[in-house]
Amino acid sequence: MNLEERKLILSALAKDAKTTAADLAEQLGATEQEVAAEIAELENRNIIRGYHAIINEDNLHDKPVKAIIQVRVRPEREGGFDRIARRLSKFPQVTALYLMSGGYDLMLEVRGADLNEVADFVSSKLATIDGVLSTGTHFLLKKYKESGTLLLEEEHDERLKIVP
């Protein structure tokens, strides 16, 4: 498949991971087998790394606590930031990890059952790692949009509109 078709497949799957090869084939004017083969190739080349559902956690009974943690680290001579990033990514509390520009080097998204679990992770695991210079923790209060999907319910104004 050409680059434009590949981009369309990736865009469609990023928007809705449940999009079928048959639906994509219809959009592309290709066969289902061609699209399935292209998706398998994208998975084999680690371009597609996984599929996930977008969950509105506000509607869950037991809401997890999430925090964004900014971390300043001392880069290592041979590995730069990669070695410490690999180490941090292995903690089950870390759900996302990014190398950043600006005042901090790494940004972690961390999840815990409650505030104490996140605080314990920061103080006993993260801050004690050799090479971690400082951290800044920001607790997420409300998520409005994730992966391009609005999580807010639309407001319904039931008043009648008066038009002059």
N, C-alpha and C. Protein backbone atom coordinates (compact mmCIF):
# COMPACT_ATOMS: atom_id res chain seq x y z
N MET A 1 0.85 -1.18 0.00
CA MET A 1 0.00 0.00 0.00
C MET A 1 0.89 1.24 0.00
N ASN A 2 0.35 2.33 -0.53
CA ASN A 2 1.15 3.55 -0.59
C ASN A 2 1.08 4.32 0.73
N LEU A 3 1.85 5.37 0.83
CA LEU A 3 1.98 6.14 2.06
C LEU A 3 0.65 6.74 2.49
N GLU A 4 -0.10 7.28 1.56
CA GLU A 4 -1.40 7.89 1.89
C GLU A 4 -2.37 6.86 2.44
N GLU A 5 -2.41 5.68 1.85
CA GLU A 5 -3.29 4.62 2.34
C GLU A 5 -2.87 4.18 3.74
N ARG A 6 -1.56 4.07 3.95
CA ARG A 6 -1.05 3.69 5.26
C ARG A 6 -1.43 4.74 6.31
N LYS A 7 -1.31 6.03 5.96
CA LYS A 7 -1.70 7.10 6.88
C LYS A 7 -3.18 7.03 7.21
N LEU A 8 -4.01 6.73 6.21
CA LEU A 8 -5.44 6.62 6.45
C LEU A 8 -5.75 5.47 7.41
N ILE A 9 -5.08 4.35 7.23
CA ILE A 9 -5.27 3.19 8.12
C ILE A 9 -4.87 3.56 9.55
N LEU A 10 -3.70 4.17 9.70
CA LEU A 10 -3.23 4.54 11.03
C LEU A 10 -4.15 5.56 11.69
N SER A 11 -4.60 6.54 10.92
CA SER A 11 -5.49 7.56 11.45
C SER A 11 -6.82 6.96 11.89
N ALA A 12 -7.37 6.08 11.06
CA ALA A 12 -8.65 5.45 11.39
C ALA A 12 -8.53 4.58 12.64
N LEU A 13 -7.46 3.81 12.75
CA LEU A 13 -7.28 2.95 13.93
C LEU A 13 -6.99 3.76 15.19
N ALA A 14 -6.29 4.89 15.04
CA ALA A 14 -6.03 5.75 16.20
C ALA A 14 -7.32 6.37 16.71
N LYS A 15 -8.21 6.67 15.79
CA LYS A 15 -9.50 7.27 16.16
C LYS A 15 -10.44 6.24 16.75
N ASP A 16 -10.45 5.04 16.18
CA ASP A 16 -11.34 3.97 16.65
C ASP A 16 -10.66 2.63 16.39
N ALA A 17 -10.09 2.04 17.43
CA ALA A 17 -9.35 0.79 17.29
C ALA A 17 -10.23 -0.37 16.87
N LYS A 18 -11.56 -0.20 16.95
CA LYS A 18 -12.47 -1.26 16.55
C LYS A 18 -12.81 -1.22 15.05
N THR A 19 -12.23 -0.27 14.32
CA THR A 19 -12.44 -0.21 12.88
C THR A 19 -11.94 -1.50 12.26
N THR A 20 -12.77 -2.13 11.45
CA THR A 20 -12.40 -3.42 10.87
C THR A 20 -11.63 -3.24 9.57
N ALA A 21 -10.91 -4.28 9.21
CA ALA A 21 -10.20 -4.29 7.93
C ALA A 21 -11.19 -4.16 6.78
N ALA A 22 -12.38 -4.73 6.94
CA ALA A 22 -13.42 -4.63 5.90
C ALA A 22 -13.85 -3.18 5.72
N ASP A 23 -14.06 -2.45 6.83
CA ASP A 23 -14.45 -1.04 6.74
C ASP A 23 -13.35 -0.21 6.08
N LEU A 24 -12.10 -0.47 6.47
CA LEU A 24 -10.97 0.26 5.89
C LEU A 24 -10.82 -0.06 4.41
N ALA A 25 -11.01 -1.32 4.05
CA ALA A 25 -10.90 -1.73 2.64
C ALA A 25 -11.93 -0.99 1.80
N GLU A 26 -13.12 -0.84 2.32
CA GLU A 26 -14.18 -0.12 1.59
C GLU A 26 -13.79 1.33 1.37
N GLN A 27 -13.21 1.96 2.39
CA GLN A 27 -12.79 3.36 2.28
C GLN A 27 -11.65 3.53 1.27
N LEU A 28 -10.77 2.52 1.22
CA LEU A 28 -9.58 2.61 0.37
C LEU A 28 -9.78 2.06 -1.04
N GLY A 29 -10.86 1.34 -1.23
CA GLY A 29 -11.04 0.68 -2.52
C GLY A 29 -10.07 -0.48 -2.69
N ALA A 30 -9.77 -1.14 -1.57
CA ALA A 30 -8.85 -2.27 -1.57
C ALA A 30 -9.60 -3.51 -1.06
N THR A 31 -8.90 -4.63 -1.05
CA THR A 31 -9.53 -5.84 -0.51
C THR A 31 -9.28 -5.90 0.99
N GLU A 32 -10.13 -6.64 1.67
CA GLU A 32 -9.97 -6.82 3.11
C GLU A 32 -8.64 -7.51 3.41
N GLN A 33 -8.23 -8.45 2.56
CA GLN A 33 -6.97 -9.17 2.76
C GLN A 33 -5.77 -8.23 2.63
N GLU A 34 -5.82 -7.28 1.68
CA GLU A 34 -4.73 -6.32 1.52
C GLU A 34 -4.60 -5.43 2.76
N VAL A 35 -5.73 -4.98 3.27
CA VAL A 35 -5.71 -4.12 4.45
C VAL A 35 -5.24 -4.91 5.67
N ALA A 36 -5.73 -6.12 5.85
CA ALA A 36 -5.30 -6.96 6.97
C ALA A 36 -3.80 -7.22 6.91
N ALA A 37 -3.29 -7.44 5.71
CA ALA A 37 -1.85 -7.67 5.54
C ALA A 37 -1.05 -6.41 5.89
N GLU A 38 -1.57 -5.25 5.51
CA GLU A 38 -0.90 -3.98 5.82
C GLU A 38 -0.89 -3.74 7.33
N ILE A 39 -2.01 -4.00 7.99
CA ILE A 39 -2.08 -3.83 9.45
C ILE A 39 -1.11 -4.79 10.13
N ALA A 40 -1.05 -6.03 9.67
CA ALA A 40 -0.10 -7.01 10.24
C ALA A 40 1.33 -6.53 10.06
N GLU A 41 1.64 -5.96 8.90
CA GLU A 41 2.98 -5.43 8.64
C GLU A 41 3.30 -4.26 9.57
N LEU A 42 2.32 -3.37 9.78
CA LEU A 42 2.51 -2.23 10.69
C LEU A 42 2.73 -2.71 12.13
N GLU A 43 2.06 -3.78 12.51
CA GLU A 43 2.26 -4.37 13.84
C GLU A 43 3.64 -5.02 13.94
N ASN A 44 4.04 -5.75 12.91
CA ASN A 44 5.35 -6.42 12.90
C ASN A 44 6.50 -5.42 12.95
N ARG A 45 6.31 -4.26 12.33
CA ARG A 45 7.35 -3.23 12.32
C ARG A 45 7.29 -2.33 13.55
N ASN A 46 6.43 -2.68 14.51
CA ASN A 46 6.27 -1.92 15.75
C ASN A 46 5.82 -0.48 15.53
N ILE A 47 5.13 -0.23 14.42
CA ILE A 47 4.51 1.07 14.20
C ILE A 47 3.21 1.11 14.98
N ILE A 48 2.42 0.05 14.87
CA ILE A 48 1.25 -0.12 15.73
C ILE A 48 1.73 -0.93 16.93
N ARG A 49 1.70 -0.31 18.11
CA ARG A 49 2.22 -0.97 19.32
C ARG A 49 1.13 -1.56 20.19
N GLY A 50 -0.12 -1.24 19.93
CA GLY A 50 -1.21 -1.77 20.75
C GLY A 50 -2.50 -1.04 20.44
N TYR A 51 -3.55 -1.50 21.06
CA TYR A 51 -4.88 -0.93 20.88
C TYR A 51 -5.46 -0.70 22.26
N HIS A 52 -6.23 0.38 22.43
CA HIS A 52 -6.82 0.61 23.74
C HIS A 52 -8.17 1.30 23.63
N ALA A 53 -8.93 1.17 24.68
CA ALA A 53 -10.21 1.85 24.79
C ALA A 53 -10.01 3.14 25.58
N ILE A 54 -10.78 4.15 25.25
CA ILE A 54 -10.76 5.40 26.00
C ILE A 54 -11.86 5.28 27.05
N ILE A 55 -11.47 5.35 28.31
CA ILE A 55 -12.40 5.12 29.40
C ILE A 55 -12.63 6.43 30.15
N ASN A 56 -13.88 6.79 30.30
CA ASN A 56 -14.24 7.97 31.08
C ASN A 56 -14.29 7.55 32.54
N GLU A 57 -13.20 7.75 33.25
CA GLU A 57 -13.08 7.27 34.62
C GLU A 57 -13.98 8.02 35.59
N ASP A 58 -14.52 9.17 35.18
CA ASP A 58 -15.47 9.90 36.03
C ASP A 58 -16.72 9.07 36.29
N ASN A 59 -17.01 8.13 35.40
CA ASN A 59 -18.21 7.31 35.54
C ASN A 59 -17.95 6.00 36.29
N LEU A 60 -16.73 5.79 36.76
CA LEU A 60 -16.41 4.58 37.52
C LEU A 60 -16.68 4.80 39.00
N HIS A 61 -16.99 3.73 39.69
CA HIS A 61 -17.22 3.81 41.13
C HIS A 61 -15.90 4.08 41.86
N ASP A 62 -14.89 3.29 41.59
CA ASP A 62 -13.57 3.47 42.20
C ASP A 62 -12.66 4.20 41.21
N LYS A 63 -12.58 5.50 41.37
CA LYS A 63 -11.77 6.30 40.46
C LYS A 63 -10.31 6.28 40.89
N PRO A 64 -9.41 5.95 39.99
CA PRO A 64 -7.99 6.00 40.34
C PRO A 64 -7.53 7.45 40.46
N VAL A 65 -6.44 7.65 41.18
CA VAL A 65 -5.82 8.96 41.29
C VAL A 65 -4.70 9.00 40.25
N LYS A 66 -4.65 10.09 39.47
CA LYS A 66 -3.60 10.24 38.47
C LYS A 66 -2.81 11.50 38.77
N ALA A 67 -1.54 11.44 38.46
CA ALA A 67 -0.67 12.59 38.64
C ALA A 67 0.28 12.70 37.46
N ILE A 68 0.62 13.91 37.13
CA ILE A 68 1.69 14.18 36.18
C ILE A 68 2.90 14.57 37.03
N ILE A 69 3.99 13.87 36.82
CA ILE A 69 5.19 14.13 37.61
C ILE A 69 6.31 14.57 36.67
N GLN A 70 6.84 15.74 36.94
CA GLN A 70 7.98 16.25 36.19
C GLN A 70 9.23 15.83 36.95
N VAL A 71 10.21 15.34 36.20
CA VAL A 71 11.42 14.81 36.84
C VAL A 71 12.66 15.41 36.17
N ARG A 72 13.52 15.97 36.99
CA ARG A 72 14.84 16.39 36.50
C ARG A 72 15.81 15.29 36.84
N VAL A 73 16.61 14.89 35.86
CA VAL A 73 17.58 13.81 36.08
C VAL A 73 18.96 14.24 35.62
N ARG A 74 19.95 13.53 36.11
CA ARG A 74 21.32 13.71 35.66
C ARG A 74 21.54 12.71 34.53
N PRO A 75 21.73 13.17 33.29
CA PRO A 75 21.92 12.22 32.19
C PRO A 75 23.19 11.39 32.40
N GLU A 76 23.15 10.16 31.97
CA GLU A 76 24.30 9.27 32.11
C GLU A 76 25.22 9.44 30.91
N ARG A 77 26.50 9.20 31.13
CA ARG A 77 27.50 9.41 30.09
C ARG A 77 27.20 8.59 28.83
N GLU A 78 26.92 7.34 28.95
CA GLU A 78 26.71 6.48 27.78
C GLU A 78 25.26 6.45 27.32
N GLY A 79 24.32 6.45 28.26
CA GLY A 79 22.91 6.25 27.91
C GLY A 79 22.06 7.49 27.85
N GLY A 80 22.61 8.66 28.22
CA GLY A 80 21.81 9.87 28.24
C GLY A 80 20.62 9.70 29.19
N PHE A 81 19.42 9.91 28.68
CA PHE A 81 18.21 9.78 29.48
C PHE A 81 17.58 8.39 29.34
N ASP A 82 18.00 7.64 28.33
CA ASP A 82 17.33 6.38 28.00
C ASP A 82 17.37 5.34 29.11
N ARG A 83 18.50 5.19 29.76
CA ARG A 83 18.62 4.14 30.78
C ARG A 83 17.69 4.41 31.97
N ILE A 84 17.68 5.65 32.44
CA ILE A 84 16.81 5.96 33.57
C ILE A 84 15.34 5.92 33.14
N ALA A 85 15.05 6.31 31.90
CA ALA A 85 13.68 6.23 31.40
C ALA A 85 13.21 4.78 31.34
N ARG A 86 14.07 3.89 30.89
CA ARG A 86 13.71 2.46 30.87
C ARG A 86 13.42 1.96 32.28
N ARG A 87 14.24 2.37 33.22
CA ARG A 87 14.04 1.92 34.61
C ARG A 87 12.71 2.44 35.16
N LEU A 88 12.41 3.71 34.91
CA LEU A 88 11.16 4.29 35.40
C LEU A 88 9.94 3.65 34.73
N SER A 89 10.07 3.32 33.46
CA SER A 89 8.93 2.76 32.72
C SER A 89 8.52 1.38 33.23
N LYS A 90 9.39 0.73 33.97
CA LYS A 90 9.08 -0.62 34.47
C LYS A 90 8.19 -0.60 35.72
N PHE A 91 8.05 0.54 36.35
CA PHE A 91 7.15 0.62 37.51
C PHE A 91 5.70 0.52 37.04
N PRO A 92 4.89 -0.32 37.66
CA PRO A 92 3.50 -0.48 37.21
C PRO A 92 2.67 0.79 37.40
N GLN A 93 3.08 1.67 38.29
CA GLN A 93 2.34 2.91 38.52
C GLN A 93 2.48 3.89 37.35
N VAL A 94 3.56 3.75 36.58
CA VAL A 94 3.85 4.68 35.47
C VAL A 94 3.07 4.22 34.24
N THR A 95 2.10 5.04 33.81
CA THR A 95 1.28 4.69 32.65
C THR A 95 1.75 5.37 31.37
N ALA A 96 2.54 6.44 31.49
CA ALA A 96 3.12 7.10 30.32
C ALA A 96 4.39 7.80 30.77
N LEU A 97 5.35 7.93 29.84
CA LEU A 97 6.64 8.53 30.16
C LEU A 97 7.17 9.21 28.90
N TYR A 98 7.56 10.47 29.05
CA TYR A 98 8.01 11.27 27.92
C TYR A 98 9.31 12.00 28.25
N LEU A 99 10.20 12.14 27.26
CA LEU A 99 11.35 13.02 27.35
C LEU A 99 10.86 14.40 26.91
N MET A 100 11.16 15.42 27.71
CA MET A 100 10.61 16.75 27.46
C MET A 100 11.71 17.79 27.27
N SER A 101 11.36 18.88 26.64
CA SER A 101 12.24 20.04 26.63
C SER A 101 11.75 20.97 27.74
N GLY A 102 12.60 21.89 28.15
CA GLY A 102 12.18 22.84 29.18
C GLY A 102 12.88 22.59 30.51
N GLY A 103 12.22 22.97 31.59
CA GLY A 103 12.81 22.93 32.92
C GLY A 103 12.96 21.53 33.50
N TYR A 104 12.21 20.57 33.00
CA TYR A 104 12.30 19.19 33.48
C TYR A 104 12.66 18.30 32.30
N ASP A 105 13.25 17.16 32.60
CA ASP A 105 13.71 16.26 31.54
C ASP A 105 12.65 15.22 31.16
N LEU A 106 11.99 14.65 32.16
CA LEU A 106 11.03 13.59 31.93
C LEU A 106 9.68 13.98 32.51
N MET A 107 8.62 13.51 31.86
CA MET A 107 7.28 13.69 32.39
C MET A 107 6.63 12.32 32.49
N LEU A 108 6.15 11.99 33.67
CA LEU A 108 5.52 10.71 33.92
C LEU A 108 4.04 10.92 34.18
N GLU A 109 3.21 10.03 33.68
CA GLU A 109 1.83 9.95 34.14
C GLU A 109 1.79 8.75 35.06
N VAL A 110 1.32 8.98 36.27
CA VAL A 110 1.32 7.94 37.31
C VAL A 110 -0.11 7.73 37.79
N ARG A 111 -0.44 6.47 38.07
CA ARG A 111 -1.77 6.11 38.55
C ARG A 111 -1.65 5.35 39.86
N GLY A 112 -2.58 5.63 40.77
CA GLY A 112 -2.62 4.93 42.04
C GLY A 112 -4.06 4.80 42.52
N ALA A 113 -4.27 3.92 43.46
CA ALA A 113 -5.62 3.72 44.00
C ALA A 113 -6.08 4.94 44.79
N ASP A 114 -5.13 5.64 45.41
CA ASP A 114 -5.49 6.82 46.18
C ASP A 114 -4.28 7.76 46.24
N LEU A 115 -4.48 8.90 46.88
CA LEU A 115 -3.44 9.92 46.98
C LEU A 115 -2.19 9.38 47.68
N ASN A 116 -2.40 8.60 48.73
CA ASN A 116 -1.26 8.07 49.48
C ASN A 116 -0.41 7.12 48.64
N GLU A 117 -1.03 6.34 47.78
CA GLU A 117 -0.26 5.41 46.94
C GLU A 117 0.64 6.18 45.98
N VAL A 118 0.12 7.25 45.39
CA VAL A 118 0.93 8.06 44.48
C VAL A 118 2.04 8.76 45.26
N ALA A 119 1.71 9.33 46.40
CA ALA A 119 2.72 10.01 47.23
C ALA A 119 3.81 9.04 47.67
N ASP A 120 3.43 7.82 48.03
CA ASP A 120 4.40 6.81 48.43
C ASP A 120 5.32 6.44 47.27
N PHE A 121 4.75 6.33 46.07
CA PHE A 121 5.56 6.04 44.89
C PHE A 121 6.62 7.13 44.69
N VAL A 122 6.19 8.39 44.77
CA VAL A 122 7.11 9.50 44.55
C VAL A 122 8.21 9.51 45.61
N SER A 123 7.83 9.39 46.88
CA SER A 123 8.82 9.54 47.95
C SER A 123 9.71 8.32 48.15
N SER A 124 9.17 7.12 48.00
CA SER A 124 9.98 5.94 48.31
C SER A 124 10.60 5.26 47.09
N LYS A 125 10.05 5.47 45.93
CA LYS A 125 10.60 4.81 44.74
C LYS A 125 11.26 5.81 43.79
N LEU A 126 10.51 6.80 43.35
CA LEU A 126 11.01 7.72 42.33
C LEU A 126 12.15 8.61 42.86
N ALA A 127 11.93 9.28 43.98
CA ALA A 127 12.93 10.24 44.48
C ALA A 127 14.21 9.59 44.95
N THR A 128 14.17 8.29 45.23
CA THR A 128 15.37 7.61 45.75
C THR A 128 16.25 7.03 44.64
N ILE A 129 15.83 7.12 43.40
CA ILE A 129 16.61 6.57 42.29
C ILE A 129 17.83 7.45 42.04
N ASP A 130 18.99 6.79 41.92
CA ASP A 130 20.23 7.50 41.64
C ASP A 130 20.10 8.22 40.30
N GLY A 131 20.38 9.49 40.28
CA GLY A 131 20.27 10.27 39.06
C GLY A 131 19.04 11.17 39.04
N VAL A 132 18.04 10.92 39.89
CA VAL A 132 16.88 11.80 39.98
C VAL A 132 17.26 12.99 40.84
N LEU A 133 17.21 14.18 40.25
CA LEU A 133 17.61 15.39 40.96
C LEU A 133 16.44 16.07 41.66
N SER A 134 15.27 16.10 41.01
CA SER A 134 14.11 16.72 41.63
C SER A 134 12.85 16.26 40.91
N THR A 135 11.73 16.42 41.61
CA THR A 135 10.43 16.06 41.03
C THR A 135 9.44 17.18 41.32
N GLY A 136 8.42 17.25 40.48
CA GLY A 136 7.29 18.15 40.69
C GLY A 136 6.02 17.38 40.37
N THR A 137 5.14 17.26 41.34
CA THR A 137 3.95 16.43 41.18
C THR A 137 2.71 17.30 41.04
N HIS A 138 1.90 16.98 40.04
CA HIS A 138 0.66 17.70 39.76
C HIS A 138 -0.46 16.65 39.66
N PHE A 139 -1.44 16.73 40.54
CA PHE A 139 -2.53 15.77 40.52
C PHE A 139 -3.58 16.20 39.50
N LEU A 140 -4.04 15.24 38.71
CA LEU A 140 -5.07 15.52 37.72
C LEU A 140 -6.42 15.57 38.42
N LEU A 141 -7.14 16.65 38.23
CA LEU A 141 -8.42 16.83 38.88
C LEU A 141 -9.59 16.38 37.99
N LYS A 142 -9.49 16.69 36.71
CA LYS A 142 -10.56 16.32 35.80
C LYS A 142 -9.99 16.24 34.39
N LYS A 143 -10.40 15.23 33.65
CA LYS A 143 -9.95 15.08 32.27
C LYS A 143 -11.12 15.44 31.35
N TYR A 144 -10.86 16.36 30.43
CA TYR A 144 -11.90 16.81 29.51
C TYR A 144 -11.80 16.13 28.14
N LYS A 145 -10.59 15.75 27.76
CA LYS A 145 -10.39 15.19 26.42
C LYS A 145 -9.22 14.24 26.48
N GLU A 146 -9.34 13.09 25.80
CA GLU A 146 -8.25 12.12 25.73
C GLU A 146 -8.18 11.53 24.34
N SER A 147 -6.99 11.50 23.79
CA SER A 147 -6.75 10.93 22.46
C SER A 147 -7.73 11.47 21.43
N GLY A 148 -8.03 12.76 21.52
CA GLY A 148 -8.92 13.39 20.55
C GLY A 148 -10.40 13.19 20.83
N THR A 149 -10.74 12.50 21.91
CA THR A 149 -12.14 12.22 22.23
C THR A 149 -12.57 13.06 23.42
N LEU A 150 -13.66 13.83 23.25
CA LEU A 150 -14.21 14.62 24.35
C LEU A 150 -14.85 13.69 25.36
N LEU A 151 -14.58 13.93 26.63
CA LEU A 151 -15.15 13.12 27.69
C LEU A 151 -16.32 13.81 28.38
N LEU A 152 -16.56 15.07 28.05
CA LEU A 152 -17.66 15.81 28.64
C LEU A 152 -18.96 15.48 27.93
N GLU A 153 -20.02 15.44 28.70
CA GLU A 153 -21.35 15.30 28.11
C GLU A 153 -21.74 16.65 27.54
N GLU A 154 -22.42 16.64 26.41
CA GLU A 154 -22.89 17.88 25.82
C GLU A 154 -23.96 18.49 26.72
N GLU A 155 -23.92 19.81 26.85
CA GLU A 155 -24.95 20.50 27.63
C GLU A 155 -26.20 20.59 26.79
N HIS A 156 -27.32 20.29 27.41
CA HIS A 156 -28.60 20.39 26.71
C HIS A 156 -29.41 21.49 27.36
N ASP A 157 -29.57 22.57 26.62
CA ASP A 157 -30.37 23.68 27.10
C ASP A 157 -31.81 23.45 26.65
N GLU A 158 -32.67 23.20 27.62
CA GLU A 158 -34.04 22.84 27.27
C GLU A 158 -34.94 24.07 27.15
N ARG A 159 -34.37 25.25 27.29
CA ARG A 159 -35.18 26.46 27.12
C ARG A 159 -35.46 26.67 25.64
N LEU A 160 -36.58 27.23 25.35
CA LEU A 160 -36.93 27.53 23.96
C LEU A 160 -36.12 28.73 23.50
N LYS A 161 -35.67 28.67 22.27
CA LYS A 161 -34.91 29.78 21.71
C LYS A 161 -35.89 30.83 21.22
N ILE A 162 -35.61 32.06 21.56
CA ILE A 162 -36.45 33.17 21.10
C ILE A 162 -35.67 33.89 20.03
N VAL A 163 -36.25 33.95 18.88
CA VAL A 163 -35.58 34.58 17.74
C VAL A 163 -36.33 35.87 17.42
N PRO A 164 -35.63 37.01 17.30
CA PRO A 164 -36.32 38.28 17.00
C PRO A 164 -36.86 38.31 15.60
